[in-house]
């Protein structure tokens, strides 16, 4: 698994997640790949941190990561 993200697929995956969780659109989310000792972890980074009241941030991140993995064939 590469630590390089395909920017087109990352944008598409994020768009899919934002369709399910539109409340995260104002926070400038982007998908990032963090290298691990073995493999890579995909996470969301934000320009502005979402408020704690948005309790579904974990589900939003999972939706984006799962969409990216599906699109990338990983």
PDB file of N, CA and C in Angstrom:
ATOM      1  N   UNK A   1       0.849  -1.173   0.000  1.00  0.00           N
ATOM      2  CA  UNK A   1       0.000   0.000   0.000  1.00  0.00           C
ATOM      3  C   UNK A   1       0.898   1.241   0.000  1.00  0.00           C
ATOM      4  N   UNK A   2       0.684   2.104  -0.924  1.00  0.00           N
ATOM      5  CA  UNK A   2       1.514   3.298  -1.082  1.00  0.00           C
ATOM      6  C   UNK A   2       1.122   4.383  -0.078  1.00  0.00           C
ATOM      7  N   UNK A   3       2.112   5.184   0.326  1.00  0.00           N
ATOM      8  CA  UNK A   3       1.818   6.313   1.211  1.00  0.00           C
ATOM      9  C   UNK A   3       1.413   7.538   0.407  1.00  0.00           C
ATOM     10  N   UNK A   4       1.447   7.427  -0.913  1.00  0.00           N
ATOM     11  CA  UNK A   4       1.031   8.533  -1.778  1.00  0.00           C
ATOM     12  C   UNK A   4      -0.452   8.401  -2.101  1.00  0.00           C
ATOM     13  N   UNK A   5      -1.168   9.485  -1.886  1.00  0.00           N
ATOM     14  CA  UNK A   5      -2.583   9.501  -2.239  1.00  0.00           C
ATOM     15  C   UNK A   5      -2.762   9.922  -3.683  1.00  0.00           C
ATOM     16  N   UNK A   6      -3.710   9.325  -4.349  1.00  0.00           N
ATOM     17  CA  UNK A   6      -4.115   9.786  -5.664  1.00  0.00           C
ATOM     18  C   UNK A   6      -5.047  10.966  -5.419  1.00  0.00           C
ATOM     19  N   UNK A   7      -4.649  12.193  -5.800  1.00  0.00           N
ATOM     20  CA  UNK A   7      -5.457  13.364  -5.468  1.00  0.00           C
ATOM     21  C   UNK A   7      -6.858  13.338  -6.076  1.00  0.00           C
ATOM     22  N   UNK A   8      -7.003  12.769  -7.249  1.00  0.00           N
ATOM     23  CA  UNK A   8      -8.317  12.692  -7.881  1.00  0.00           C
ATOM     24  C   UNK A   8      -9.233  11.756  -7.099  1.00  0.00           C
ATOM     25  N   UNK A   9      -8.710  10.598  -6.727  1.00  0.00           N
ATOM     26  CA  UNK A   9      -9.508   9.643  -5.961  1.00  0.00           C
ATOM     27  C   UNK A   9      -9.797  10.159  -4.556  1.00  0.00           C
ATOM     28  N   UNK A  10      -8.831  10.840  -3.961  1.00  0.00           N
ATOM     29  CA  UNK A  10      -9.034  11.409  -2.620  1.00  0.00           C
ATOM     30  C   UNK A  10     -10.145  12.454  -2.645  1.00  0.00           C
ATOM     31  N   UNK A  11     -10.153  13.300  -3.661  1.00  0.00           N
ATOM     32  CA  UNK A  11     -11.198  14.318  -3.786  1.00  0.00           C
ATOM     33  C   UNK A  11     -12.552  13.672  -4.013  1.00  0.00           C
ATOM     34  N   UNK A  12     -12.596  12.625  -4.817  1.00  0.00           N
ATOM     35  CA  UNK A  12     -13.851  11.924  -5.083  1.00  0.00           C
ATOM     36  C   UNK A  12     -14.362  11.240  -3.817  1.00  0.00           C
ATOM     37  N   UNK A  13     -13.471  10.607  -3.072  1.00  0.00           N
ATOM     38  CA  UNK A  13     -13.859   9.940  -1.831  1.00  0.00           C
ATOM     39  C   UNK A  13     -14.372  10.945  -0.811  1.00  0.00           C
ATOM     40  N   UNK A  14     -13.705  12.077  -0.711  1.00  0.00           N
ATOM     41  CA  UNK A  14     -14.140  13.107   0.224  1.00  0.00           C
ATOM     42  C   UNK A  14     -15.508  13.651  -0.180  1.00  0.00           C
ATOM     43  N   UNK A  15     -15.732  13.820  -1.463  1.00  0.00           N
ATOM     44  CA  UNK A  15     -17.022  14.302  -1.936  1.00  0.00           C
ATOM     45  C   UNK A  15     -18.134  13.312  -1.586  1.00  0.00           C
ATOM     46  N   UNK A  16     -17.856  12.030  -1.746  1.00  0.00           N
ATOM     47  CA  UNK A  16     -18.844  11.009  -1.379  1.00  0.00           C
ATOM     48  C   UNK A  16     -19.180  11.098   0.107  1.00  0.00           C
ATOM     49  N   UNK A  17     -18.155  11.259   0.943  1.00  0.00           N
ATOM     50  CA  UNK A  17     -18.382  11.360   2.389  1.00  0.00           C
ATOM     51  C   UNK A  17     -19.153  12.634   2.737  1.00  0.00           C
ATOM     52  N   UNK A  18     -18.845  13.735   2.050  1.00  0.00           N
ATOM     53  CA  UNK A  18     -19.544  14.991   2.303  1.00  0.00           C
ATOM     54  C   UNK A  18     -21.009  14.930   1.872  1.00  0.00           C
ATOM     55  N   UNK A  19     -21.325  14.098   0.905  1.00  0.00           N
ATOM     56  CA  UNK A  19     -22.723  13.919   0.517  1.00  0.00           C
ATOM     57  C   UNK A  19     -23.516  13.288   1.654  1.00  0.00           C
ATOM     58  N   UNK A  20     -22.883  12.420   2.418  1.00  0.00           N
ATOM     59  CA  UNK A  20     -23.535  11.775   3.569  1.00  0.00           C
ATOM     60  C   UNK A  20     -23.474  12.632   4.823  1.00  0.00           C
ATOM     61  N   UNK A  21     -22.420  13.457   4.927  1.00  0.00           N
ATOM     62  CA  UNK A  21     -22.191  14.274   6.118  1.00  0.00           C
ATOM     63  C   UNK A  21     -21.911  15.724   5.712  1.00  0.00           C
ATOM     64  N   UNK A  22     -22.891  16.410   5.140  1.00  0.00           N
ATOM     65  CA  UNK A  22     -22.655  17.766   4.624  1.00  0.00           C
ATOM     66  C   UNK A  22     -22.296  18.790   5.699  1.00  0.00           C
ATOM     67  N   UNK A  23     -22.567  18.492   6.948  1.00  0.00           N
ATOM     68  CA  UNK A  23     -22.245  19.429   8.024  1.00  0.00           C
ATOM     69  C   UNK A  23     -20.740  19.650   8.195  1.00  0.00           C
ATOM     70  N   UNK A  24     -19.914  18.795   7.578  1.00  0.00           N
ATOM     71  CA  UNK A  24     -18.459  18.943   7.681  1.00  0.00           C
ATOM     72  C   UNK A  24     -17.861  19.779   6.546  1.00  0.00           C
ATOM     73  N   UNK A  25     -18.663  20.161   5.577  1.00  0.00           N
ATOM     74  CA  UNK A  25     -18.168  20.918   4.425  1.00  0.00           C
ATOM     75  C   UNK A  25     -17.461  22.226   4.802  1.00  0.00           C
ATOM     76  N   UNK A  26     -17.940  22.997   5.779  1.00  0.00           N
ATOM     77  CA  UNK A  26     -17.288  24.283   6.071  1.00  0.00           C
ATOM     78  C   UNK A  26     -15.903  24.187   6.711  1.00  0.00           C
ATOM     79  N   UNK A  27     -15.450  22.991   7.074  1.00  0.00           N
ATOM     80  CA  UNK A  27     -14.226  22.874   7.853  1.00  0.00           C
ATOM     81  C   UNK A  27     -12.975  22.519   7.049  1.00  0.00           C
ATOM     82  N   UNK A  28     -13.092  22.455   5.735  1.00  0.00           N
ATOM     83  CA  UNK A  28     -11.923  22.240   4.880  1.00  0.00           C
ATOM     84  C   UNK A  28     -11.241  20.904   5.089  1.00  0.00           C
ATOM     85  N   UNK A  29     -12.011  19.828   5.107  1.00  0.00           N
ATOM     86  CA  UNK A  29     -11.435  18.495   5.301  1.00  0.00           C
ATOM     87  C   UNK A  29     -10.650  18.067   4.072  1.00  0.00           C
ATOM     88  N   UNK A  30      -9.586  17.321   4.315  1.00  0.00           N
ATOM     89  CA  UNK A  30      -8.808  16.720   3.234  1.00  0.00           C
ATOM     90  C   UNK A  30      -8.267  15.382   3.743  1.00  0.00           C
ATOM     91  N   UNK A  31      -8.154  14.440   2.844  1.00  0.00           N
ATOM     92  CA  UNK A  31      -7.659  13.110   3.171  1.00  0.00           C
ATOM     93  C   UNK A  31      -6.132  13.138   3.144  1.00  0.00           C
ATOM     94  N   UNK A  32      -5.521  12.520   4.147  1.00  0.00           N
ATOM     95  CA  UNK A  32      -4.062  12.460   4.230  1.00  0.00           C
ATOM     96  C   UNK A  32      -3.637  11.026   4.525  1.00  0.00           C
ATOM     97  N   UNK A  33      -2.454  10.665   4.075  1.00  0.00           N
ATOM     98  CA  UNK A  33      -1.877   9.349   4.345  1.00  0.00           C
ATOM     99  C   UNK A  33      -0.725   9.521   5.321  1.00  0.00           C
ATOM    100  N   UNK A  34      -0.794   8.823   6.421  1.00  0.00           N
ATOM    101  CA  UNK A  34       0.260   8.870   7.434  1.00  0.00           C
ATOM    102  C   UNK A  34       1.002   7.540   7.419  1.00  0.00           C
ATOM    103  N   UNK A  35       2.288   7.567   7.109  1.00  0.00           N
ATOM    104  CA  UNK A  35       3.043   6.308   7.085  1.00  0.00           C
ATOM    105  C   UNK A  35       3.174   5.723   8.495  1.00  0.00           C
ATOM    106  N   UNK A  36       3.052   4.416   8.568  1.00  0.00           N
ATOM    107  CA  UNK A  36       3.243   3.670   9.807  1.00  0.00           C
ATOM    108  C   UNK A  36       4.472   2.796   9.645  1.00  0.00           C
ATOM    109  N   UNK A  37       4.873   2.126  10.695  1.00  0.00           N
ATOM    110  CA  UNK A  37       6.010   1.214  10.602  1.00  0.00           C
ATOM    111  C   UNK A  37       5.768   0.204   9.490  1.00  0.00           C
ATOM    112  N   UNK A  38       4.565  -0.314   9.440  1.00  0.00           N
ATOM    113  CA  UNK A  38       4.156  -1.197   8.343  1.00  0.00           C
ATOM    114  C   UNK A  38       2.848  -0.659   7.793  1.00  0.00           C
ATOM    115  N   UNK A  39       2.869  -0.199   6.584  1.00  0.00           N
ATOM    116  CA  UNK A  39       1.654   0.274   5.938  1.00  0.00           C
ATOM    117  C   UNK A  39       1.429   1.766   6.092  1.00  0.00           C
ATOM    118  N   UNK A  40       0.148   2.133   6.053  1.00  0.00           N
ATOM    119  CA  UNK A  40      -0.225   3.538   6.065  1.00  0.00           C
ATOM    120  C   UNK A  40      -1.583   3.671   6.748  1.00  0.00           C
ATOM    121  N   UNK A  41      -1.791   4.802   7.390  1.00  0.00           N
ATOM    122  CA  UNK A  41      -3.095   5.123   7.982  1.00  0.00           C
ATOM    123  C   UNK A  41      -3.659   6.324   7.239  1.00  0.00           C
ATOM    124  N   UNK A  42      -4.892   6.213   6.813  1.00  0.00           N
ATOM    125  CA  UNK A  42      -5.567   7.330   6.156  1.00  0.00           C
ATOM    126  C   UNK A  42      -6.381   8.078   7.206  1.00  0.00           C
ATOM    127  N   UNK A  43      -6.225   9.384   7.227  1.00  0.00           N
ATOM    128  CA  UNK A  43      -6.919  10.222   8.201  1.00  0.00           C
ATOM    129  C   UNK A  43      -7.410  11.482   7.514  1.00  0.00           C
ATOM    130  N   UNK A  44      -8.326  12.170   8.176  1.00  0.00           N
ATOM    131  CA  UNK A  44      -8.766  13.469   7.689  1.00  0.00           C
ATOM    132  C   UNK A  44      -8.046  14.558   8.458  1.00  0.00           C
ATOM    133  N   UNK A  45      -7.632  15.571   7.746  1.00  0.00           N
ATOM    134  CA  UNK A  45      -7.080  16.788   8.334  1.00  0.00           C
ATOM    135  C   UNK A  45      -8.047  17.906   7.991  1.00  0.00           C
ATOM    136  N   UNK A  46      -8.126  18.913   8.850  1.00  0.00           N
ATOM    137  CA  UNK A  46      -9.063  20.012   8.663  1.00  0.00           C
ATOM    138  C   UNK A  46      -8.333  21.343   8.679  1.00  0.00           C
ATOM    139  N   UNK A  47      -8.837  22.300   7.879  1.00  0.00           N
ATOM    140  CA  UNK A  47      -8.346  23.675   7.965  1.00  0.00           C
ATOM    141  C   UNK A  47      -8.813  24.301   9.275  1.00  0.00           C
ATOM    142  N   UNK A  48     -10.053  24.025   9.645  1.00  0.00           N
ATOM    143  CA  UNK A  48     -10.643  24.503  10.889  1.00  0.00           C
ATOM    144  C   UNK A  48     -11.226  23.305  11.616  1.00  0.00           C
ATOM    145  N   UNK A  49     -10.896  23.163  12.870  1.00  0.00           N
ATOM    146  CA  UNK A  49     -11.382  22.014  13.638  1.00  0.00           C
ATOM    147  C   UNK A  49     -12.899  22.087  13.806  1.00  0.00           C
ATOM    148  N   UNK A  50     -13.593  20.980  13.491  1.00  0.00           N
ATOM    149  CA  UNK A  50     -15.044  20.956  13.680  1.00  0.00           C
ATOM    150  C   UNK A  50     -15.388  21.050  15.174  1.00  0.00           C
ATOM    151  N   UNK A  51     -16.520  21.646  15.498  1.00  0.00           N
ATOM    152  CA  UNK A  51     -16.908  21.747  16.905  1.00  0.00           C
ATOM    153  C   UNK A  51     -17.216  20.384  17.506  1.00  0.00           C
ATOM    154  N   UNK A  52     -17.054  20.283  18.807  1.00  0.00           N
ATOM    155  CA  UNK A  52     -17.287  19.020  19.513  1.00  0.00           C
ATOM    156  C   UNK A  52     -18.734  18.554  19.397  1.00  0.00           C
ATOM    157  N   UNK A  53     -19.641  19.473  19.104  1.00  0.00           N
ATOM    158  CA  UNK A  53     -21.049  19.102  18.970  1.00  0.00           C
ATOM    159  C   UNK A  53     -21.290  18.164  17.788  1.00  0.00           C
ATOM    160  N   UNK A  54     -20.395  18.178  16.822  1.00  0.00           N
ATOM    161  CA  UNK A  54     -20.515  17.264  15.678  1.00  0.00           C
ATOM    162  C   UNK A  54     -19.940  15.909  16.089  1.00  0.00           C
ATOM    163  N   UNK A  55     -20.764  15.120  16.694  1.00  0.00           N
ATOM    164  CA  UNK A  55     -20.309  13.861  17.282  1.00  0.00           C
ATOM    165  C   UNK A  55     -20.094  12.747  16.266  1.00  0.00           C
ATOM    166  N   UNK A  56     -20.421  12.998  15.017  1.00  0.00           N
ATOM    167  CA  UNK A  56     -20.267  11.953  13.998  1.00  0.00           C
ATOM    168  C   UNK A  56     -18.991  12.132  13.169  1.00  0.00           C
ATOM    169  N   UNK A  57     -17.992  12.803  13.713  1.00  0.00           N
ATOM    170  CA  UNK A  57     -16.730  13.016  12.994  1.00  0.00           C
ATOM    171  C   UNK A  57     -16.054  11.685  12.657  1.00  0.00           C
ATOM    172  N   UNK A  58     -16.144  10.730  13.560  1.00  0.00           N
ATOM    173  CA  UNK A  58     -15.541   9.420  13.317  1.00  0.00           C
ATOM    174  C   UNK A  58     -16.203   8.738  12.126  1.00  0.00           C
ATOM    175  N   UNK A  59     -17.529   8.807  12.045  1.00  0.00           N
ATOM    176  CA  UNK A  59     -18.244   8.202  10.936  1.00  0.00           C
ATOM    177  C   UNK A  59     -17.911   8.896   9.620  1.00  0.00           C
ATOM    178  N   UNK A  60     -17.763  10.220   9.669  1.00  0.00           N
ATOM    179  CA  UNK A  60     -17.378  10.981   8.478  1.00  0.00           C
ATOM    180  C   UNK A  60     -16.005  10.534   7.982  1.00  0.00           C
ATOM    181  N   UNK A  61     -15.047  10.437   8.894  1.00  0.00           N
ATOM    182  CA  UNK A  61     -13.708   9.997   8.506  1.00  0.00           C
ATOM    183  C   UNK A  61     -13.750   8.581   7.950  1.00  0.00           C
ATOM    184  N   UNK A  62     -14.471   7.681   8.598  1.00  0.00           N
ATOM    185  CA  UNK A  62     -14.562   6.301   8.111  1.00  0.00           C
ATOM    186  C   UNK A  62     -15.175   6.247   6.719  1.00  0.00           C
ATOM    187  N   UNK A  63     -16.190   7.069   6.476  1.00  0.00           N
ATOM    188  CA  UNK A  63     -16.822   7.091   5.155  1.00  0.00           C
ATOM    189  C   UNK A  63     -15.828   7.529   4.088  1.00  0.00           C
ATOM    190  N   UNK A  64     -15.041   8.552   4.386  1.00  0.00           N
ATOM    191  CA  UNK A  64     -14.052   9.042   3.423  1.00  0.00           C
ATOM    192  C   UNK A  64     -12.954   8.007   3.176  1.00  0.00           C
ATOM    193  N   UNK A  65     -12.448   7.404   4.235  1.00  0.00           N
ATOM    194  CA  UNK A  65     -11.371   6.416   4.100  1.00  0.00           C
ATOM    195  C   UNK A  65     -11.860   5.178   3.355  1.00  0.00           C
ATOM    196  N   UNK A  66     -13.038   4.686   3.711  1.00  0.00           N
ATOM    197  CA  UNK A  66     -13.569   3.507   3.027  1.00  0.00           C
ATOM    198  C   UNK A  66     -13.822   3.793   1.551  1.00  0.00           C
ATOM    199  N   UNK A  67     -14.324   4.980   1.256  1.00  0.00           N
ATOM    200  CA  UNK A  67     -14.546   5.347  -0.148  1.00  0.00           C
ATOM    201  C   UNK A  67     -13.220   5.409  -0.906  1.00  0.00           C
ATOM    202  N   UNK A  68     -12.192   5.990  -0.299  1.00  0.00           N
ATOM    203  CA  UNK A  68     -10.889   6.063  -0.957  1.00  0.00           C
ATOM    204  C   UNK A  68     -10.335   4.666  -1.225  1.00  0.00           C
ATOM    205  N   UNK A  69     -10.398   3.812  -0.227  1.00  0.00           N
ATOM    206  CA  UNK A  69      -9.872   2.457  -0.400  1.00  0.00           C
ATOM    207  C   UNK A  69     -10.625   1.710  -1.496  1.00  0.00           C
ATOM    208  N   UNK A  70     -11.936   1.890  -1.536  1.00  0.00           N
ATOM    209  CA  UNK A  70     -12.740   1.237  -2.583  1.00  0.00           C
ATOM    210  C   UNK A  70     -12.349   1.767  -3.947  1.00  0.00           C
ATOM    211  N   UNK A  71     -12.235   3.089  -4.087  1.00  0.00           N
ATOM    212  CA  UNK A  71     -11.886   3.687  -5.372  1.00  0.00           C
ATOM    213  C   UNK A  71     -10.484   3.330  -5.822  1.00  0.00           C
ATOM    214  N   UNK A  72      -9.561   3.221  -4.851  1.00  0.00           N
ATOM    215  CA  UNK A  72      -8.162   2.914  -5.162  1.00  0.00           C
ATOM    216  C   UNK A  72      -7.925   1.417  -5.333  1.00  0.00           C
ATOM    217  N   UNK A  73      -8.938   0.621  -5.020  1.00  0.00           N
ATOM    218  CA  UNK A  73      -8.778  -0.828  -5.140  1.00  0.00           C
ATOM    219  C   UNK A  73      -7.914  -1.411  -4.054  1.00  0.00           C
ATOM    220  N   UNK A  74      -7.842  -0.747  -2.922  1.00  0.00           N
ATOM    221  CA  UNK A  74      -7.007  -1.230  -1.816  1.00  0.00           C
ATOM    222  C   UNK A  74      -7.787  -2.093  -0.871  1.00  0.00           C
TER     223      UNK A  74
END
